[in-house]
Protein backbone atom coordinates (compact mmCIF):
# COMPACT_ATOMS: atom_id res chain seq x y z
CA MET A 1 -19.76 -8.17 31.48
CA ALA A 2 -22.01 -6.51 28.77
CA ILE A 3 -21.02 -6.56 24.97
CA GLU A 4 -20.51 -2.72 23.94
CA ASN A 5 -21.76 -1.83 20.49
CA VAL A 6 -18.42 -0.02 19.50
CA ILE A 7 -15.30 0.41 21.45
CA ILE A 8 -12.80 2.86 19.65
CA ILE A 9 -8.97 2.49 20.69
CA GLY A 10 -7.05 5.02 20.67
CA SER A 11 -7.92 8.93 20.39
CA GLY A 12 -6.61 11.79 18.80
CA PRO A 13 -8.64 14.16 16.10
CA ALA A 14 -9.83 10.46 14.54
CA GLY A 15 -10.87 8.42 17.48
CA TYR A 16 -12.79 11.16 19.16
CA THR A 17 -14.51 12.67 15.55
CA ALA A 18 -15.69 9.28 15.36
CA ALA A 19 -16.76 8.50 19.02
CA ILE A 20 -19.01 11.80 18.43
CA TYR A 21 -20.58 10.43 15.73
CA ALA A 22 -21.35 7.02 17.49
CA ALA A 23 -22.74 8.72 20.80
CA ARG A 24 -25.41 11.03 18.34
CA ALA A 25 -26.27 7.69 16.55
CA ASN A 26 -27.06 6.52 19.75
CA LEU A 27 -23.79 3.52 19.76
CA ASN A 28 -23.01 4.36 23.73
CA PRO A 29 -19.33 4.40 22.60
CA LEU A 30 -16.69 3.17 24.91
CA MET A 31 -13.11 4.89 24.47
CA ILE A 32 -10.14 3.17 25.51
CA GLU A 33 -7.63 6.53 25.16
CA GLY A 34 -4.49 5.23 25.49
CA TYR A 35 -2.16 6.98 28.48
CA GLN A 36 -1.15 9.80 26.12
CA ALA A 37 -4.82 10.49 24.93
CA GLY A 38 -5.21 13.04 22.47
CA GLY A 39 -2.82 11.70 19.83
CA LEU A 40 0.48 13.91 17.92
CA LEU A 41 -1.65 17.20 18.39
CA MET A 42 -0.88 17.10 21.91
CA LEU A 43 2.96 17.90 20.48
CA THR A 44 2.10 20.80 18.68
CA SER A 45 1.68 24.12 20.08
CA GLU A 46 -0.13 26.32 17.25
CA VAL A 47 -2.57 24.82 14.88
CA GLU A 48 -3.18 27.45 12.35
CA ASN A 49 -5.13 24.94 9.49
CA PHE A 50 -8.31 23.43 11.35
CA PRO A 51 -11.31 25.45 10.04
CA GLY A 52 -13.08 27.14 12.58
CA PHE A 53 -10.47 28.41 14.14
CA PRO A 54 -9.30 31.63 12.35
CA LYS A 55 -6.82 32.74 15.14
CA GLY A 56 -5.66 29.43 15.43
CA ILE A 57 -5.92 27.29 18.62
CA GLN A 58 -2.89 25.15 20.96
CA GLY A 59 -2.89 21.58 19.72
CA PRO A 60 -4.01 20.58 23.12
CA GLU A 61 -7.01 22.66 23.59
CA LEU A 62 -8.44 21.44 20.50
CA MET A 63 -8.12 18.33 21.61
CA ALA A 64 -9.28 19.20 24.43
CA GLN A 65 -12.74 20.23 22.93
CA PHE A 66 -12.77 17.57 20.45
CA LYS A 67 -12.96 15.36 23.53
CA ALA A 68 -15.52 17.44 25.50
CA GLN A 69 -18.00 17.30 22.62
CA ALA A 70 -17.73 13.51 22.35
CA GLU A 71 -18.36 13.38 26.17
CA ARG A 72 -21.41 15.59 25.51
CA PHE A 73 -22.81 13.11 23.47
CA GLY A 74 -21.95 9.95 26.12
CA THR A 75 -18.53 8.88 25.24
CA ARG A 76 -17.49 6.80 28.18
CA PHE A 77 -13.61 6.97 28.67
CA ILE A 78 -10.51 4.58 29.93
CA PRO A 79 -7.12 6.23 29.89
CA LYS A 80 -5.52 3.32 29.57
CA ASN A 81 -3.61 1.19 26.59
CA VAL A 82 -4.69 -2.02 24.86
CA SER A 83 -1.87 -4.78 25.74
CA ASP A 84 -3.98 -7.47 23.51
CA VAL A 85 -7.06 -8.03 21.02
CA ASP A 86 -8.59 -10.97 19.87
CA PHE A 87 -10.56 -9.93 17.07
CA THR A 88 -11.70 -14.23 15.83
CA GLY A 89 -15.02 -14.27 17.19
CA LYS A 90 -18.49 -12.75 16.51
CA THR A 91 -17.53 -10.37 19.31
CA LYS A 92 -14.36 -8.74 19.39
CA LYS A 93 -12.25 -8.96 22.40
CA ILE A 94 -10.05 -6.36 23.96
CA PHE A 95 -7.74 -6.27 26.94
CA ILE A 96 -6.27 -4.11 29.18
CA ASP A 97 -3.88 -5.43 31.54
CA LYS A 98 -5.92 -8.37 33.02
CA GLU A 99 -9.75 -6.35 32.50
CA THR A 100 -11.42 -7.97 29.01
CA TYR A 101 -13.89 -5.94 27.30
CA GLU A 102 -16.19 -6.81 24.52
CA ALA A 103 -17.88 -5.22 21.75
CA SER A 104 -20.01 -6.00 18.11
CA ALA A 105 -17.20 -3.44 16.64
CA VAL A 106 -14.29 -2.03 16.51
CA ILE A 107 -12.47 1.15 15.49
CA VAL A 108 -9.25 1.51 15.03
CA THR A 109 -7.51 5.39 15.75
CA THR A 110 -4.18 4.56 17.93
CA GLY A 111 -2.45 7.12 14.69
CA ALA A 112 1.13 6.85 13.73
CA ALA A 113 4.33 8.03 16.05
CA THR A 114 7.10 10.57 14.41
CA LYS A 115 10.45 9.11 14.40
CA TRP A 116 12.63 11.47 16.31
CA LEU A 117 16.55 11.89 16.34
CA GLY A 118 16.83 10.83 19.73
CA LEU A 119 18.42 14.06 21.00
CA GLU A 120 18.00 15.79 24.17
CA SER A 121 17.91 18.87 22.67
CA GLU A 122 15.20 18.03 20.08
CA LYS A 123 13.05 17.31 22.96
CA ARG A 124 13.41 20.20 24.59
CA LEU A 125 13.31 22.45 21.22
CA LEU A 126 10.11 20.74 20.37
CA GLY A 127 7.42 23.50 19.45
CA LYS A 128 10.04 26.50 19.91
CA GLY A 129 11.53 25.92 15.96
CA VAL A 130 11.88 22.35 15.74
CA SER A 131 8.99 19.97 14.32
CA SER A 132 7.53 17.15 12.07
CA CYS A 133 5.36 18.64 9.87
CA ALA A 134 5.96 21.34 6.97
CA THR A 135 2.16 21.57 6.26
CA CYS A 136 1.21 22.39 9.82
CA ASP A 137 4.07 24.55 10.75
CA GLY A 138 5.73 25.88 7.51
CA ALA A 139 3.72 29.24 7.63
CA PHE A 140 5.47 30.02 11.17
CA PHE A 141 8.99 30.47 8.95
CA ARG A 142 8.44 32.98 6.69
CA GLY A 143 12.08 34.14 5.43
CA ALA A 144 14.01 31.80 7.91
CA LYS A 145 16.73 29.45 7.27
CA LEU A 146 15.16 26.39 7.63
CA VAL A 147 17.81 22.59 8.07
CA VAL A 148 15.43 19.25 6.72
CA VAL A 149 16.64 16.32 8.03
CA GLY A 150 16.17 13.18 5.61
CA GLY A 151 16.66 11.32 2.84
CA GLY A 152 13.44 9.68 1.85
CA ASP A 153 10.38 11.17 -0.17
CA SER A 154 8.73 12.39 2.63
CA ALA A 155 11.91 14.65 3.53
CA MET A 156 11.99 16.04 -0.25
CA GLU A 157 8.05 17.05 -0.08
CA GLU A 158 8.58 18.76 2.83
CA ALA A 159 12.09 20.46 1.84
CA ASN A 160 10.09 21.79 -1.15
CA PHE A 161 7.14 23.00 0.15
CA LEU A 162 9.09 25.06 2.96
CA THR A 163 10.62 26.59 0.18
CA ARG A 164 7.08 28.86 0.06
CA PHE A 165 8.23 30.94 3.13
CA ALA A 166 11.91 30.17 4.12
CA SER A 167 14.53 32.11 2.41
CA HIS A 168 16.36 28.98 2.42
CA VAL A 169 16.31 25.10 3.18
CA THR A 170 19.20 23.22 4.08
CA VAL A 171 18.67 18.97 3.69
CA ILE A 172 20.77 17.43 5.85
CA HIS A 173 20.98 13.18 4.97
CA ARG A 174 23.11 10.65 6.59
CA LYS A 175 24.40 9.07 3.42
CA ASP A 176 25.73 10.34 -0.02
CA HIS A 177 22.47 9.70 -1.71
CA LEU A 178 19.01 10.11 -1.35
CA ARG A 179 16.52 7.17 -1.25
CA ALA A 180 13.11 9.30 -2.21
CA SER A 181 11.58 8.12 -5.50
CA LYS A 182 13.64 9.79 -8.67
CA ILE A 183 10.78 12.40 -9.47
CA MET A 184 11.33 13.52 -5.41
CA GLN A 185 14.91 13.77 -5.89
CA ASP A 186 14.89 15.37 -9.15
CA ARG A 187 12.59 18.47 -7.64
CA ALA A 188 14.62 19.44 -4.71
CA LYS A 189 17.31 19.06 -6.69
CA ALA A 190 15.96 21.53 -9.69
CA ASN A 191 14.79 23.97 -6.66
CA PRO A 192 17.33 27.09 -6.12
CA LYS A 193 16.37 27.70 -2.72
CA ILE A 194 17.33 23.96 -1.32
CA SER A 195 21.25 22.75 -0.63
CA PHE A 196 23.01 19.41 0.35
CA ILE A 197 24.66 18.39 2.90
CA TRP A 198 25.82 14.69 2.72
CA ASP A 199 27.52 12.64 4.59
CA THR A 200 26.57 13.99 8.20
CA GLU A 201 24.64 13.22 11.09
CA ILE A 202 23.57 15.27 13.72
CA LEU A 203 24.80 16.13 17.25
CA GLU A 204 22.69 18.17 18.73
CA VAL A 205 20.17 21.28 17.91
CA LEU A 206 21.59 24.32 19.19
CA GLY A 207 19.41 27.01 20.59
CA GLU A 208 17.85 28.07 24.10
CA GLU A 209 14.29 29.64 23.71
CA ALA A 210 14.19 29.21 19.89
CA VAL A 211 16.15 27.13 17.53
CA ARG A 212 19.12 29.23 16.40
CA GLY A 213 21.36 26.21 14.27
CA CYS A 214 22.15 22.50 14.66
CA LYS A 215 25.96 21.37 15.29
CA VAL A 216 26.44 18.37 12.68
CA LYS A 217 28.87 15.88 12.23
CA ASN A 218 31.06 14.28 8.73
CA LEU A 219 30.34 11.06 9.10
CA LYS A 220 33.45 10.74 6.30
CA THR A 221 35.80 13.02 7.59
CA GLY A 222 35.04 13.47 11.35
CA ALA A 223 34.64 16.94 11.45
CA VAL A 224 32.46 18.94 13.33
CA SER A 225 30.33 22.35 12.14
CA GLU A 226 27.61 24.17 12.96
CA VAL A 227 24.75 24.90 10.53
CA PRO A 228 22.96 28.37 11.36
CA CYS A 229 18.90 27.85 10.89
CA GLU A 230 15.48 29.39 12.68
CA GLY A 231 13.99 26.06 11.98
CA PHE A 232 14.53 22.31 12.37
CA PHE A 233 12.30 19.65 10.36
CA VAL A 234 12.90 16.10 10.98
CA ALA A 235 11.40 13.77 8.21
CA ILE A 236 12.38 10.62 9.00
CA GLY A 237 9.63 8.73 8.95
CA HIS A 238 6.29 7.94 10.36
CA GLU A 239 5.83 4.65 12.84
CA PRO A 240 2.53 3.53 13.22
CA ASN A 241 1.18 2.31 16.55
CA THR A 242 -0.35 -1.09 15.83
CA HIS A 243 2.17 -3.42 17.64
CA PHE A 244 -0.39 -4.80 19.16
CA LEU A 245 -2.32 -5.79 15.91
CA LYS A 246 0.53 -7.81 14.75
CA GLY A 247 -1.06 -10.72 13.41
CA LYS A 248 -4.75 -10.06 14.20
CA LEU A 249 -5.06 -7.17 11.53
CA GLU A 250 -3.49 -7.03 7.96
CA LEU A 251 -1.25 -4.62 8.24
CA ASP A 252 1.12 -3.38 5.31
CA PRO A 253 5.07 -3.56 5.51
CA LYS A 254 5.81 -0.42 7.91
CA GLY A 255 2.83 -1.52 9.91
CA TYR A 256 -0.25 0.63 8.74
CA VAL A 257 -3.54 -1.19 8.99
CA LEU A 258 -4.90 -2.21 5.13
CA LEU A 259 -8.20 -0.98 4.49
CA LYS A 260 -10.00 -3.47 2.50
CA ASN A 261 -13.30 -2.05 0.83
CA ARG A 262 -12.42 1.20 -0.04
CA PRO A 263 -13.77 3.71 0.30
CA THR A 264 -15.16 2.39 3.35
CA THR A 265 -12.61 2.27 6.50
CA GLN A 266 -13.48 -1.58 7.00
CA THR A 267 -10.13 -3.74 7.33
CA SER A 268 -9.41 -7.36 7.08
CA VAL A 269 -11.55 -8.30 9.55
CA SER A 270 -15.16 -7.96 9.64
CA GLY A 271 -16.71 -5.85 12.17
CA VAL A 272 -13.01 -3.87 12.66
CA PHE A 273 -12.62 -0.77 11.26
CA ALA A 274 -9.77 1.81 11.33
CA ALA A 275 -9.36 6.09 10.90
CA GLY A 276 -6.79 8.29 11.01
CA ASP A 277 -3.05 8.16 10.75
CA VAL A 278 -3.28 4.27 12.03
CA GLN A 279 -4.32 3.91 8.15
CA ASP A 280 -3.40 7.21 5.95
CA THR A 281 0.48 6.98 4.77
CA ILE A 282 -0.37 9.91 2.96
CA TYR A 283 -2.43 13.21 4.26
CA ARG A 284 -1.58 12.87 8.35
CA GLN A 285 -3.52 15.96 9.19
CA ALA A 286 -6.25 16.86 12.07
CA ILE A 287 -8.73 17.48 9.63
CA THR A 288 -8.11 14.14 7.30
CA ALA A 289 -7.84 11.88 10.24
CA ALA A 290 -11.40 13.50 11.95
CA ALA A 291 -13.14 12.96 8.97
CA SER A 292 -12.09 9.22 8.81
CA GLY A 293 -13.45 9.09 11.86
CA CYS A 294 -17.05 10.22 10.78
CA GLN A 295 -16.71 7.34 8.30
CA ALA A 296 -15.79 5.23 10.52
CA ALA A 297 -18.51 5.48 12.61
CA ILE A 298 -21.06 5.54 9.92
CA ASP A 299 -19.42 2.04 9.03
CA VAL A 300 -19.93 0.88 12.23
CA GLU A 301 -23.67 2.07 12.45
CA ARG A 302 -24.00 0.69 9.04
CA TYR A 303 -22.55 -2.58 10.18
CA LEU A 304 -24.21 -2.97 13.36
CA GLU A 305 -27.61 -2.61 11.65
CA SER A 306 -27.06 -5.40 9.25
CA LEU A 307 -26.18 -7.60 11.73
CA HIS A 308 -29.79 -6.95 13.46
CA HIS A 309 -31.58 -7.61 10.29
């Protein structure tokens, strides 16, 4: 089997952008998209903050346009998941079930998955008032009462951000104290639009076609009650899709790929690059993922050039 110039593992804004740039550089990229191609934007209804779409665009439609552009320049696609990798040799090996692919360079763009509560009602109302991204969806909830679930930095950040639009934000947390950093706690507690419900778990998100509230249970008293809201934001963290990379690349304690030579996208292994949410613990936006995909493709082009010299 021929050795590919570059294989992109994963899709989404980072992967497709990397493919567009790599294809235009005549690198003839091969993308292993994954069974759930398109990343988190496939779960997003309306995207209003991606430049170039003043009227907004549906997440799946935006990803379809990204893919079509990558395809137009000659990117090839395999709609399967990678089962294992071997980055120890000069050429990098990627395994899909019993098939092996080899490449001179690899770009990892497998993204990160939102941690959900695991409720059927949460899944059913996703995009109908249930969200995991305040910066993506906050503007749809002007004047609304909102709930944020979580107690870490991301939950406090989401709650504070949402007060720009909401009439009130209720933070619901399982414990009687926050695990967020002191500065984030102080900011949230000082915000007159934010209140807290402690020692409480979510039993159900209420509503048929749209969120109208949530059913909760106090973990100390066992009392069950309802909290009315029009938007329900889950902020209990993200999990990078890097299970197949453990022991193959250097990861941080949470499993995100570490970049070793910033501002480049170089990982701990020469010839392997990473872009998008798989290495981004801060921004997690479609536009920043796309930008890092562009960087990774340019880094690969320069890396391959250096091999020839």
